[in-house]
Protein backbone atom coordinates (compact mmCIF):
# COMPACT_ATOMS: atom_id res chain seq x y z
CA MET A 1 -172.15 36.12 3.41
CA HIS A 2 -171.89 39.70 4.65
CA SER A 3 -172.26 42.99 2.60
CA PHE A 4 -171.71 46.58 3.24
CA GLU A 5 -174.57 49.14 3.06
CA VAL A 6 -173.01 52.41 2.53
CA GLN A 7 -174.82 55.96 2.51
CA GLY A 8 -172.53 58.15 0.47
CA GLY A 9 -171.90 61.74 0.49
CA ASN A 10 -170.42 62.33 3.68
CA LYS A 11 -167.22 64.24 4.31
CA LEU A 12 -164.90 62.50 6.56
CA LYS A 13 -162.69 64.04 9.24
CA GLY A 14 -160.19 62.83 11.71
CA GLU A 15 -157.09 60.52 12.26
CA ILE A 16 -156.57 56.95 11.06
CA ILE A 17 -153.96 54.63 11.80
CA PRO A 18 -152.83 52.07 9.06
CA GLN A 19 -152.62 48.34 10.05
CA GLY A 20 -149.38 46.27 9.76
CA ALA A 21 -148.29 45.25 6.17
CA LYS A 22 -150.23 42.24 4.88
CA ASN A 23 -147.61 41.47 2.05
CA GLU A 24 -144.77 41.46 4.73
CA ALA A 25 -146.79 39.54 7.27
CA LEU A 26 -147.30 36.25 4.95
CA GLN A 27 -143.40 36.12 4.46
CA ILE A 28 -142.34 36.93 8.06
CA ILE A 29 -145.02 34.58 9.68
CA SER A 30 -143.88 31.79 7.43
CA ALA A 31 -140.24 32.33 8.11
CA VAL A 32 -140.69 31.23 11.92
CA LEU A 33 -140.68 27.66 10.50
CA LEU A 34 -136.89 28.27 9.93
CA THR A 35 -135.91 27.90 13.54
CA ALA A 36 -136.71 25.82 16.85
CA GLU A 37 -136.37 28.87 18.90
CA LYS A 38 -139.04 31.49 19.78
CA VAL A 39 -139.84 34.28 17.17
CA THR A 40 -142.03 37.25 18.35
CA VAL A 41 -143.53 39.16 15.62
CA SER A 42 -145.52 42.28 16.40
CA ASN A 43 -147.79 44.80 14.40
CA ILE A 44 -149.69 41.83 12.84
CA PRO A 45 -152.71 42.97 10.94
CA ASP A 46 -155.97 41.24 11.92
CA ILE A 47 -157.14 40.22 8.66
CA LEU A 48 -158.60 36.94 7.24
CA ASP A 49 -155.29 35.98 5.13
CA VAL A 50 -153.02 36.48 7.89
CA ASN A 51 -155.23 34.79 10.59
CA LEU A 52 -155.65 31.81 8.20
CA LEU A 53 -151.75 31.65 7.88
CA ILE A 54 -151.46 31.68 11.64
CA GLU A 55 -154.13 28.88 12.04
CA LEU A 56 -152.27 26.86 9.33
CA LEU A 57 -148.96 27.21 11.69
CA GLY A 58 -151.17 26.02 14.71
CA ASP A 59 -152.42 22.97 12.70
CA MET A 60 -148.86 22.00 12.10
CA ASN A 61 -148.09 22.02 15.86
CA VAL A 62 -146.27 25.36 15.90
CA LYS A 63 -146.83 26.80 19.35
CA ILE A 64 -148.38 30.13 19.44
CA GLU A 65 -148.80 32.58 22.19
CA ARG A 66 -150.58 36.02 21.81
CA PRO A 67 -149.59 38.49 24.57
CA GLN A 68 -151.23 41.22 22.57
CA LYS A 69 -153.69 41.42 19.88
CA ASP A 70 -151.17 42.42 17.31
CA THR A 71 -148.45 40.34 18.65
CA CYS A 72 -147.49 36.60 18.42
CA VAL A 73 -144.84 34.52 19.78
CA PHE A 74 -144.03 31.52 17.53
CA GLN A 75 -142.16 28.30 18.29
CA ALA A 76 -141.68 25.81 15.71
CA ASP A 77 -139.96 23.10 17.72
CA ASP A 78 -142.20 20.22 17.05
CA VAL A 79 -143.44 20.69 13.50
CA ASN A 80 -145.72 18.04 12.12
CA ILE A 81 -144.29 18.02 8.47
CA ASP A 82 -146.88 15.35 7.21
CA HIS A 83 -149.61 17.46 7.99
CA LEU A 84 -148.56 19.58 5.13
CA HIS A 85 -149.49 16.63 2.90
CA SER A 86 -153.07 16.17 4.37
CA GLU A 87 -156.34 16.70 2.94
CA THR A 88 -157.19 19.10 5.81
CA PHE A 89 -154.14 21.31 4.86
CA ARG A 90 -154.88 21.08 1.22
CA LYS A 91 -158.51 22.36 1.67
CA LYS A 92 -157.67 25.05 4.22
CA SER A 93 -154.46 26.24 2.36
CA GLY A 94 -156.39 26.27 -0.99
CA ARG A 95 -158.22 29.41 0.23
CA LEU A 96 -154.74 31.23 0.67
CA ARG A 97 -152.07 31.80 -1.96
CA GLY A 98 -149.82 32.86 0.83
CA SER A 99 -149.48 29.32 1.98
CA VAL A 100 -147.07 28.58 -0.78
CA MET A 101 -144.61 30.49 1.43
CA PHE A 102 -144.22 27.60 3.65
CA ALA A 103 -142.29 25.85 1.02
CA GLY A 104 -138.95 27.68 1.20
CA PRO A 105 -138.54 27.52 5.08
CA MET A 106 -139.63 23.70 4.87
CA LEU A 107 -137.24 22.88 2.27
CA SER A 108 -134.34 24.85 4.05
CA ARG A 109 -134.94 23.18 7.48
CA PHE A 110 -136.51 19.93 6.74
CA ARG A 111 -135.31 19.25 3.22
CA LYS A 112 -138.97 18.61 1.97
CA ALA A 113 -142.11 20.49 1.38
CA PHE A 114 -145.61 20.19 -0.33
CA ILE A 115 -147.23 22.93 -2.30
CA PRO A 116 -150.88 22.68 -2.85
CA LYS A 117 -152.55 24.43 -5.96
CA PRO A 118 -152.60 28.21 -5.01
CA GLY A 119 -155.82 30.08 -3.96
CA GLY A 120 -156.19 33.77 -3.44
CA ASP A 121 -157.41 36.52 -5.66
CA LYS A 122 -159.27 36.16 -8.98
CA ILE A 123 -157.20 38.64 -10.72
CA GLY A 124 -155.53 36.60 -13.47
CA ARG A 125 -152.87 33.82 -13.73
CA ARG A 126 -150.22 33.92 -10.98
CA ARG A 127 -147.93 31.34 -11.89
CA LEU A 128 -145.52 29.40 -9.43
CA ASP A 129 -142.69 28.92 -12.10
CA THR A 130 -140.09 31.40 -10.39
CA HIS A 131 -140.66 29.50 -7.08
CA ILE A 132 -140.31 26.08 -8.57
CA SER A 133 -137.37 26.91 -11.00
CA GLY A 134 -135.43 28.49 -8.06
CA PHE A 135 -135.84 25.42 -5.87
CA GLU A 136 -134.79 23.23 -8.62
CA LYS A 137 -131.69 25.07 -9.14
CA LEU A 138 -131.01 24.80 -5.46
CA GLY A 139 -131.11 21.04 -5.91
CA ALA A 140 -134.72 20.18 -5.05
CA ALA A 141 -136.64 17.60 -7.06
CA VAL A 142 -140.15 18.79 -7.74
CA THR A 143 -142.85 16.56 -8.94
CA TYR A 144 -146.56 17.24 -9.33
CA HIS A 145 -148.97 14.46 -8.11
CA GLU A 146 -152.20 14.80 -9.76
CA GLU A 147 -153.98 12.23 -7.40
CA ASP A 148 -153.46 14.34 -4.36
CA GLY A 149 -153.19 17.95 -6.06
CA PHE A 150 -149.66 18.67 -4.30
CA PHE A 151 -146.39 19.42 -5.74
CA HIS A 152 -143.95 17.39 -3.85
CA LEU A 153 -140.46 18.77 -3.16
CA GLU A 154 -137.53 16.92 -1.97
CA ALA A 155 -133.96 18.12 -1.44
CA PRO A 156 -131.64 15.94 0.75
CA ASN A 157 -128.71 17.89 -0.63
CA LEU A 158 -129.74 21.63 -0.89
CA LYS A 159 -126.64 23.65 -2.46
CA GLY A 160 -126.09 27.20 -3.18
CA ALA A 161 -126.42 28.20 -6.71
CA ASN A 162 -126.33 31.21 -8.99
CA LEU A 163 -129.97 32.25 -9.92
CA LEU A 164 -131.22 34.64 -12.54
CA LEU A 165 -134.95 34.95 -11.88
CA ASP A 166 -137.20 35.44 -15.00
CA GLU A 167 -139.18 37.93 -13.24
CA PRO A 168 -138.57 40.01 -9.90
CA SER A 169 -141.26 38.19 -8.03
CA VAL A 170 -142.00 39.22 -4.52
CA THR A 171 -143.20 35.83 -3.29
CA GLY A 172 -140.75 34.09 -5.44
CA THR A 173 -137.79 36.07 -4.20
CA ALA A 174 -138.90 35.50 -0.53
CA ASN A 175 -139.54 31.82 -0.88
CA ILE A 176 -135.98 31.41 -2.54
CA VAL A 177 -134.24 33.39 0.00
CA MET A 178 -135.73 31.40 2.85
CA ALA A 179 -134.81 28.17 1.07
CA SER A 180 -131.19 29.42 0.61
CA VAL A 181 -130.28 30.57 4.06
CA MET A 182 -129.45 27.02 5.19
CA ALA A 183 -128.38 25.59 1.92
CA GLU A 184 -124.63 24.44 1.67
CA GLY A 185 -122.44 27.10 -0.08
CA VAL A 186 -123.37 30.55 -1.58
CA THR A 187 -126.44 31.52 -3.30
CA THR A 188 -126.77 34.61 -5.80
CA ILE A 189 -130.10 35.81 -6.74
CA TYR A 190 -129.89 38.24 -9.43
CA ASN A 191 -133.13 40.09 -10.67
CA SER A 192 -134.55 39.65 -7.07
CA ALA A 193 -137.45 41.72 -5.83
CA CYS A 194 -136.24 44.65 -3.60
CA GLU A 195 -139.51 45.80 -2.04
CA PRO A 196 -139.49 46.92 1.60
CA TYR A 197 -141.26 43.66 2.30
CA ILE A 198 -138.24 41.64 1.04
CA GLN A 199 -135.74 43.91 3.02
CA GLN A 200 -137.54 43.34 6.02
CA LEU A 201 -137.50 39.59 5.61
CA CYS A 202 -133.88 39.80 4.98
CA HIS A 203 -132.99 41.91 7.95
CA MET A 204 -135.22 39.73 10.12
CA LEU A 205 -133.15 36.49 8.71
CA ASN A 206 -129.86 38.21 9.37
CA ARG A 207 -130.87 38.79 13.09
CA MET A 208 -131.48 35.11 13.22
CA GLY A 209 -128.10 34.22 12.11
CA ALA A 210 -128.36 34.21 8.30
CA LYS A 211 -125.60 35.96 6.03
CA ILE A 212 -127.55 37.81 3.39
CA ASN A 213 -125.66 40.69 1.56
CA GLY A 214 -127.08 43.15 -1.05
CA VAL A 215 -130.43 43.94 1.07
CA GLY A 216 -132.35 46.59 -0.95
CA SER A 217 -130.82 45.97 -4.25
CA ASN A 218 -131.93 43.42 -6.98
CA LYS A 219 -128.80 41.07 -6.30
CA LEU A 220 -128.77 39.00 -3.18
CA ILE A 221 -125.64 36.99 -2.11
CA ILE A 222 -126.66 34.46 0.58
CA LYS A 223 -124.03 32.43 2.52
CA GLY A 224 -125.62 29.38 3.87
CA VAL A 225 -125.47 28.60 7.54
CA THR A 226 -126.15 25.50 9.56
CA GLU A 227 -129.02 26.75 11.77
CA LEU A 228 -130.92 29.74 12.62
CA GLY A 229 -132.20 31.20 15.95
CA GLY A 230 -135.00 33.18 17.39
CA THR A 231 -135.42 37.04 17.21
CA LYS A 232 -138.17 39.80 17.55
CA HIS A 233 -139.42 41.58 14.59
CA ARG A 234 -141.87 44.49 14.08
CA MET A 235 -143.81 44.83 10.55
CA LEU A 236 -143.79 48.04 8.58
CA THR A 237 -146.94 49.96 8.14
CA ASP A 238 -149.29 48.74 5.24
CA MET A 239 -148.30 50.93 2.22
CA ILE A 240 -151.34 49.68 0.42
CA GLU A 241 -153.57 50.92 3.20
CA VAL A 242 -151.76 54.27 3.18
CA GLY A 243 -152.57 54.69 -0.61
CA SER A 244 -156.15 53.76 -0.09
CA PHE A 245 -156.79 56.26 2.59
CA ILE A 246 -155.10 59.08 0.39
CA GLY A 247 -157.56 58.09 -2.40
CA LEU A 248 -160.43 57.94 -0.01
CA ALA A 249 -159.77 61.45 1.30
CA ALA A 250 -159.52 62.96 -2.17
CA MET A 251 -162.54 61.31 -3.58
CA THR A 252 -164.80 62.27 -0.55
CA GLN A 253 -163.45 65.70 -0.06
CA SER A 254 -162.39 64.90 3.38
CA ASP A 255 -159.60 66.06 5.94
CA ILE A 256 -157.68 63.26 7.06
CA VAL A 257 -154.54 62.60 8.85
CA ILE A 258 -152.90 59.20 8.33
CA LYS A 259 -150.84 58.49 11.44
CA ASN A 260 -147.66 56.59 11.62
CA ALA A 261 -147.75 56.35 7.65
CA GLY A 262 -144.32 54.93 7.44
CA THR A 263 -143.23 57.61 4.93
CA GLU A 264 -139.78 56.34 4.60
CA HIS A 265 -140.93 53.17 3.03
CA LEU A 266 -143.63 54.57 0.89
CA GLY A 267 -141.27 54.98 -2.30
CA ILE A 268 -142.97 56.58 -5.35
CA ILE A 269 -146.65 56.18 -3.90
CA PRO A 270 -147.19 59.74 -2.48
CA GLU A 271 -145.89 61.25 -5.92
CA LYS A 272 -148.25 58.98 -7.81
CA PHE A 273 -151.18 60.60 -6.05
CA GLN A 274 -149.62 64.14 -6.10
CA GLN A 275 -149.64 63.63 -10.03
CA LEU A 276 -153.50 63.34 -9.73
CA GLY A 277 -153.39 66.95 -8.20
CA ILE A 278 -153.90 65.62 -4.60
CA GLN A 279 -152.23 67.97 -1.78
CA LEU A 280 -150.45 66.10 0.79
CA ASN A 281 -148.72 67.46 3.83
CA PHE A 282 -146.01 65.37 5.51
CA ILE A 283 -145.75 66.17 9.31
CA GLY A 284 -143.10 63.89 10.79
CA ASP A 285 -144.27 60.44 9.88
CA ASP A 286 -147.84 61.60 9.37
CA ILE A 287 -149.61 62.39 6.26
CA HIS A 288 -152.31 65.12 6.04
CA ILE A 289 -154.75 65.19 3.19
CA PRO A 290 -156.72 68.38 3.43
CA GLU A 291 -160.16 68.93 2.01
CA GLN A 292 -159.89 69.74 -1.77
CA GLU A 293 -162.71 70.89 -4.04
CA ILE A 294 -160.84 70.19 -7.27
CA TYR A 295 -157.66 68.14 -7.90
CA GLU A 296 -156.34 68.50 -11.41
CA VAL A 297 -154.38 65.76 -13.08
CA HIS A 298 -150.82 66.84 -14.16
CA ARG A 299 -149.86 66.37 -17.77
CA TYR A 300 -146.34 65.58 -19.14
CA PHE A 301 -144.14 68.54 -20.17
CA ASP A 302 -145.21 67.88 -23.90
CA GLY A 303 -148.79 68.14 -22.98
CA GLY A 304 -149.29 64.41 -23.20
CA VAL A 305 -151.93 62.51 -21.13
CA LEU A 306 -150.56 61.28 -17.90
CA THR A 307 -150.26 57.46 -17.80
CA ILE A 308 -149.85 55.60 -14.43
CA TYR A 309 -148.60 51.95 -14.51
CA ASP A 310 -147.33 49.28 -12.11
CA HIS A 311 -143.88 48.25 -12.26
CA PRO A 312 -141.56 46.18 -9.92
CA TRP A 313 -140.16 48.20 -6.94
CA PRO A 314 -139.19 50.97 -6.85
CA GLY A 315 -141.93 51.38 -9.32
CA PHE A 316 -145.70 51.73 -8.53
CA THR A 317 -147.09 48.81 -6.81
CA PRO A 318 -149.92 46.91 -8.89
CA ASP A 319 -151.89 46.69 -5.58
CA LEU A 320 -152.76 50.57 -5.79
CA LEU A 321 -153.66 50.91 -9.52
CA SER A 322 -157.36 50.09 -8.55
CA ILE A 323 -157.16 52.88 -5.93
CA VAL A 324 -155.72 55.49 -8.44
CA LEU A 325 -158.16 54.56 -11.02
CA VAL A 326 -161.29 55.22 -8.78
CA THR A 327 -159.60 58.32 -7.34
CA ALA A 328 -159.20 59.78 -10.77
CA ILE A 329 -163.06 59.63 -11.53
CA GLN A 330 -163.71 63.05 -9.83
CA ALA A 331 -160.50 64.74 -10.94
CA LYS A 332 -160.03 67.33 -13.40
CA GLY A 333 -158.42 65.97 -16.48
CA SER A 334 -157.82 62.39 -18.00
CA VAL A 335 -155.39 59.75 -17.00
CA LEU A 336 -154.49 56.34 -18.71
CA ILE A 337 -154.32 53.34 -16.15
CA HIS A 338 -152.04 50.57 -17.36
CA GLN A 339 -152.22 47.29 -15.38
CA LYS A 340 -149.35 45.36 -16.90
CA MET A 341 -149.15 42.37 -14.43
CA PHE A 342 -152.57 41.10 -13.96
CA GLU A 343 -155.07 40.68 -16.91
CA SER A 344 -158.35 40.58 -14.90
CA ARG A 345 -157.62 43.38 -12.32
CA LEU A 346 -159.50 45.95 -14.21
CA PHE A 347 -162.75 44.06 -14.89
CA PHE A 348 -164.49 45.89 -11.91
CA VAL A 349 -164.77 49.13 -13.89
CA ASP A 350 -168.11 48.03 -15.34
CA LYS A 351 -169.53 48.84 -11.70
CA LEU A 352 -167.86 52.19 -11.67
CA ILE A 353 -169.54 53.00 -15.06
CA ASP A 354 -172.75 51.83 -13.80
CA MET A 355 -172.35 54.45 -11.00
CA GLY A 356 -171.65 57.14 -13.56
CA ALA A 357 -168.02 57.15 -13.82
CA GLN A 358 -166.50 58.08 -17.42
CA ILE A 359 -164.30 55.25 -17.97
CA ILE A 360 -163.18 53.54 -21.37
CA LEU A 361 -161.84 50.15 -20.91
CA CYS A 362 -159.60 49.65 -23.78
CA ASP A 363 -158.47 45.95 -23.08
CA PRO A 364 -157.85 43.68 -20.11
CA HIS A 365 -154.87 45.96 -19.07
CA ARG A 366 -155.65 49.44 -20.06
CA ALA A 367 -158.42 51.99 -18.91
CA VAL A 368 -158.88 55.65 -19.67
CA VAL A 369 -160.59 57.59 -16.77
CA ILE A 370 -162.20 61.03 -17.86
CA GLY A 371 -162.52 62.90 -14.74
CA LEU A 372 -165.93 64.31 -13.78
CA GLU A 373 -164.48 67.38 -11.83
CA ARG A 374 -167.21 66.97 -9.31
CA LYS A 375 -169.74 68.34 -11.87
CA GLN A 376 -171.76 65.18 -11.10
CA LYS A 377 -171.81 62.77 -8.34
CA LEU A 378 -171.61 58.91 -8.49
CA ARG A 379 -174.94 57.02 -7.84
CA GLY A 380 -175.28 54.46 -5.49
CA ILE A 381 -175.70 50.90 -6.65
CA LYS A 382 -175.61 47.13 -5.61
CA MET A 383 -172.26 45.41 -6.53
CA SER A 384 -169.93 42.71 -5.46
CA SER A 385 -166.28 42.75 -4.41
CA PRO A 386 -164.14 40.62 -7.02
CA ASP A 387 -160.89 41.00 -5.27
CA ILE A 388 -159.34 42.80 -2.23
CA ARG A 389 -158.10 45.91 -3.97
CA ALA A 390 -161.02 46.43 -6.24
CA GLY A 391 -163.16 45.83 -3.27
CA VAL A 392 -161.79 48.74 -1.47
CA ALA A 393 -161.81 50.81 -4.74
CA LEU A 394 -165.69 50.22 -4.89
CA LEU A 395 -165.93 51.12 -1.15
CA ILE A 396 -164.28 54.54 -1.97
CA ALA A 397 -166.62 55.14 -4.72
CA ALA A 398 -169.69 54.20 -2.59
CA LEU A 399 -168.53 56.64 0.05
CA SER A 400 -168.43 59.31 -2.36
CA ALA A 401 -171.50 58.55 -4.22
CA GLU A 402 -175.11 59.84 -3.86
CA GLY A 403 -177.65 57.54 -2.23
CA THR A 404 -177.31 53.94 -0.92
CA SER A 405 -174.68 51.35 -2.20
CA VAL A 406 -174.52 47.79 -1.18
CA ILE A 407 -171.31 46.02 -1.56
CA GLN A 408 -171.41 42.05 -1.49
CA ASN A 409 -168.62 39.55 -1.05
CA ILE A 410 -166.97 41.76 1.49
CA GLU A 411 -165.00 38.80 2.63
CA GLN A 412 -162.54 39.68 -0.01
CA ILE A 413 -162.01 43.23 1.63
CA ASP A 414 -161.96 41.51 5.07
CA ARG A 415 -158.77 39.56 3.61
CA GLY A 416 -156.62 42.68 3.41
CA TYR A 417 -158.37 45.36 5.47
CA GLN A 418 -158.74 44.90 9.14
CA GLN A 419 -162.16 46.28 10.73
CA ILE A 420 -162.21 48.77 7.70
CA ASP A 421 -165.97 49.59 8.49
CA GLU A 422 -165.38 50.31 12.02
CA ARG A 423 -162.32 52.59 11.38
CA LEU A 424 -164.23 54.53 8.58
CA ARG A 425 -167.13 55.09 10.97
CA ARG A 426 -164.76 56.85 13.50
CA LEU A 427 -164.05 59.29 10.68
CA GLY A 428 -167.89 59.81 10.02
CA ALA A 429 -168.54 57.31 7.38
CA ASP A 430 -172.02 55.85 7.21
CA ILE A 431 -171.39 52.26 6.71
CA LYS A 432 -172.88 49.14 8.06
CA ARG A 433 -172.17 45.40 7.93
CA ILE A 434 -175.16 43.53 7.11
């Protein structure tokens, strides 16, 4: 097990380039199973979760070439379907919730699939009901076999259907879209997720020969086709990294330029950081965050305390609430953070309180942050990363703190942020992997 040793208090300066989008990668790379032809994917992030997904495809006999570090050429012309039901696959895929994304493409093309019990972050219950219900409405028979720990899915006659999702799940929508593209007839998915990741997946599938209308809305209409072909696809910039770097710059009083930030696809993210009083300068597709002594939290027009909460796109992504929370620690003013979707995602705030933050944890979903206004610095402590986003929030806190911090279980951070320590060192951070 590795840890980060951080000497805090340094102001950072320079340019940083965000990685490709992790959440898009898990969908796009799974979609290569839909065709026997070559699919080239570029701007792939070099992170544990994505590398494990690629490894799982290799175990299934998918041919993989890597002409460049961030590019893979996949060809799924000889897929070993039975490997998905093996103990090897169950153990390896159990470390990665994203492996559930294989189910839609496998059902669509091969008419059967296996889903092991999901792994991933320990941030609360993340149910598969939306995925399973959608598959069943398309004609799949789903049974759970306790003796092997797999859901068994079979769909000899996959047919289009009218679906009303019980929640706009991003992974659920992606999985159902991939299952629908080669189903017989027309599928309508209402209350679908419409995140940029889903839009990217739909655009890629249409280039492969799928017929998907309504991209970017919460109603997708899919006319089934008999087969799909190859394509080339470049992934978006990771919006969660962009938000993380904005929070990092503000907390550490740094002057940072985020290059190629993909501003067109960030939605409401910049506005939420601006509500904390953070100055952002947009220069083409770059974002410049200048050094700020004080950033003051906005209030509502009636004087009420600002509340920042997660909401399905185009609302604020839950993946950045941990970053917003830690950034608010040194702000002037107070803010209520309301994490609606995951009941355990705020449980890292006890470590921030130990560092000297003024935070009231109201319940598993809400925390009030009372800004320190830089009147006192956080102090370095020893702590452990519980999940990807909380891990980076703790890293930001450590970089802004006085003294030495040690962050354990950094494998969680490595799951979502590529070589984060090396990139931060180039900005002047004092961080070691030990």
